[in-house]
Each structure stands twice: as structure tokens, then as C-alpha cells.
Amino acid sequence: RLMSVKEVEKRLARAKAHMGGDSSVYVKHLLARKAELESLKDRNKEI
């Protein structure tokens, strides 16, 4: 199951708080996931 944008944002906030900043691979992964979800959402609107 894929995470929703809200779930990704929640994890991003938690990861940033724990790891201090955006440098971790996990944060980069979440940001990429979020961008992917948002582009999917936009594509669905067009249909």
C-alpha cells in the first residue's frame, strides 16, 4: 500500500525533527515520494 500525501508529510516532519535537517536519505526518499504523489494527483484531475 502506498502512503498518502498526508502520511508522507507526517513522516517528513517527524524525520526532520529526529534527524535535524533534510540531509538524510530517508528524508530525500519521502520528498521524492511526495512529489510523485502530487504529480499523480494533478494527473487525475485532468482526466
N, C-alpha and C. Protein backbone atom coordinates (compact mmCIF):
# COMPACT_ATOMS: atom_id res chain seq x y z
N ARG A 1 0.83 -1.20 0.00
CA ARG A 1 0.00 0.00 0.00
C ARG A 1 0.87 1.24 0.00
N LEU A 2 0.49 2.21 -0.83
CA LEU A 2 1.26 3.44 -0.91
C LEU A 2 0.76 4.44 0.13
N MET A 3 1.67 5.27 0.59
CA MET A 3 1.31 6.29 1.57
C MET A 3 0.59 7.45 0.89
N SER A 4 -0.32 8.05 1.64
CA SER A 4 -0.97 9.25 1.13
C SER A 4 -0.05 10.45 1.36
N VAL A 5 -0.38 11.57 0.73
CA VAL A 5 0.44 12.78 0.90
C VAL A 5 0.48 13.16 2.38
N LYS A 6 -0.65 13.06 3.07
CA LYS A 6 -0.69 13.43 4.49
C LYS A 6 0.24 12.57 5.32
N GLU A 7 0.25 11.28 5.04
CA GLU A 7 1.14 10.37 5.76
C GLU A 7 2.60 10.72 5.50
N VAL A 8 2.92 11.00 4.25
CA VAL A 8 4.29 11.36 3.90
C VAL A 8 4.70 12.63 4.64
N GLU A 9 3.81 13.63 4.66
CA GLU A 9 4.12 14.88 5.35
C GLU A 9 4.35 14.66 6.85
N LYS A 10 3.54 13.79 7.44
CA LYS A 10 3.69 13.49 8.87
C LYS A 10 5.06 12.87 9.14
N ARG A 11 5.43 11.92 8.29
CA ARG A 11 6.73 11.26 8.46
C ARG A 11 7.89 12.21 8.19
N LEU A 12 7.71 13.09 7.23
CA LEU A 12 8.74 14.09 6.93
C LEU A 12 8.99 14.96 8.15
N ALA A 13 7.91 15.44 8.75
CA ALA A 13 8.03 16.31 9.92
C ALA A 13 8.74 15.58 11.04
N ARG A 14 8.37 14.31 11.26
CA ARG A 14 8.99 13.53 12.31
C ARG A 14 10.47 13.27 12.02
N ALA A 15 10.76 12.93 10.77
CA ALA A 15 12.14 12.64 10.39
C ALA A 15 13.02 13.87 10.54
N LYS A 16 12.51 15.03 10.14
CA LYS A 16 13.29 16.26 10.26
C LYS A 16 13.55 16.59 11.71
N ALA A 17 12.56 16.38 12.57
CA ALA A 17 12.72 16.65 13.99
C ALA A 17 13.77 15.73 14.59
N HIS A 18 13.75 14.45 14.21
CA HIS A 18 14.67 13.47 14.78
C HIS A 18 16.07 13.60 14.22
N MET A 19 16.19 13.82 12.92
CA MET A 19 17.50 13.76 12.28
C MET A 19 18.11 15.12 12.04
N GLY A 20 17.34 16.16 12.35
CA GLY A 20 17.88 17.51 12.17
C GLY A 20 18.21 17.84 10.74
N GLY A 21 17.23 18.24 9.98
CA GLY A 21 17.51 18.70 8.63
C GLY A 21 17.10 17.73 7.55
N ASP A 22 17.38 18.12 6.32
CA ASP A 22 16.88 17.38 5.17
C ASP A 22 17.94 16.51 4.51
N SER A 23 19.07 16.33 5.19
CA SER A 23 20.20 15.69 4.51
C SER A 23 20.07 14.17 4.44
N SER A 24 19.23 13.58 5.28
CA SER A 24 19.21 12.12 5.33
C SER A 24 18.57 11.52 4.08
N VAL A 25 18.98 10.32 3.78
CA VAL A 25 18.47 9.60 2.61
C VAL A 25 16.97 9.37 2.76
N TYR A 26 16.55 9.10 3.99
CA TYR A 26 15.13 8.84 4.25
C TYR A 26 14.27 10.06 3.92
N VAL A 27 14.74 11.24 4.32
CA VAL A 27 14.01 12.47 4.03
C VAL A 27 13.94 12.69 2.52
N LYS A 28 15.06 12.46 1.84
CA LYS A 28 15.07 12.60 0.38
C LYS A 28 14.07 11.64 -0.27
N HIS A 29 14.02 10.42 0.26
CA HIS A 29 13.08 9.42 -0.24
C HIS A 29 11.64 9.90 -0.05
N LEU A 30 11.34 10.44 1.12
CA LEU A 30 9.98 10.92 1.39
C LEU A 30 9.62 12.09 0.50
N LEU A 31 10.57 12.99 0.29
CA LEU A 31 10.31 14.15 -0.58
C LEU A 31 10.03 13.69 -2.01
N ALA A 32 10.78 12.71 -2.46
CA ALA A 32 10.57 12.18 -3.81
C ALA A 32 9.19 11.53 -3.91
N ARG A 33 8.83 10.80 -2.88
CA ARG A 33 7.53 10.13 -2.82
C ARG A 33 6.39 11.15 -2.87
N LYS A 34 6.58 12.24 -2.10
CA LYS A 34 5.56 13.28 -2.04
C LYS A 34 5.38 13.94 -3.41
N ALA A 35 6.48 14.23 -4.07
CA ALA A 35 6.42 14.85 -5.39
C ALA A 35 5.70 13.92 -6.37
N GLU A 36 5.99 12.63 -6.25
CA GLU A 36 5.36 11.62 -7.09
C GLU A 36 3.85 11.61 -6.88
N LEU A 37 3.44 11.60 -5.61
CA LEU A 37 2.02 11.59 -5.27
C LEU A 37 1.32 12.83 -5.79
N GLU A 38 1.98 13.97 -5.64
CA GLU A 38 1.36 15.22 -6.07
C GLU A 38 1.21 15.27 -7.58
N SER A 39 2.17 14.75 -8.31
CA SER A 39 2.04 14.75 -9.76
C SER A 39 0.95 13.76 -10.20
N LEU A 40 0.79 12.67 -9.47
CA LEU A 40 -0.29 11.73 -9.76
C LEU A 40 -1.64 12.38 -9.52
N LYS A 41 -1.72 13.13 -8.42
CA LYS A 41 -2.96 13.81 -8.07
C LYS A 41 -3.35 14.81 -9.17
N ASP A 42 -2.37 15.54 -9.65
CA ASP A 42 -2.61 16.52 -10.72
C ASP A 42 -3.08 15.81 -12.00
N ARG A 43 -2.47 14.69 -12.29
CA ARG A 43 -2.82 13.95 -13.49
C ARG A 43 -4.26 13.45 -13.40
N ASN A 44 -4.66 13.01 -12.20
CA ASN A 44 -6.02 12.52 -12.01
C ASN A 44 -7.06 13.62 -12.21
N LYS A 45 -6.71 14.83 -11.83
CA LYS A 45 -7.63 15.96 -12.00
C LYS A 45 -7.89 16.23 -13.48
N GLU A 46 -6.88 16.03 -14.30
CA GLU A 46 -7.00 16.33 -15.73
C GLU A 46 -7.92 15.35 -16.45
N ILE A 47 -8.00 14.15 -15.93
CA ILE A 47 -8.79 13.09 -16.59
C ILE A 47 -10.29 13.38 -16.44
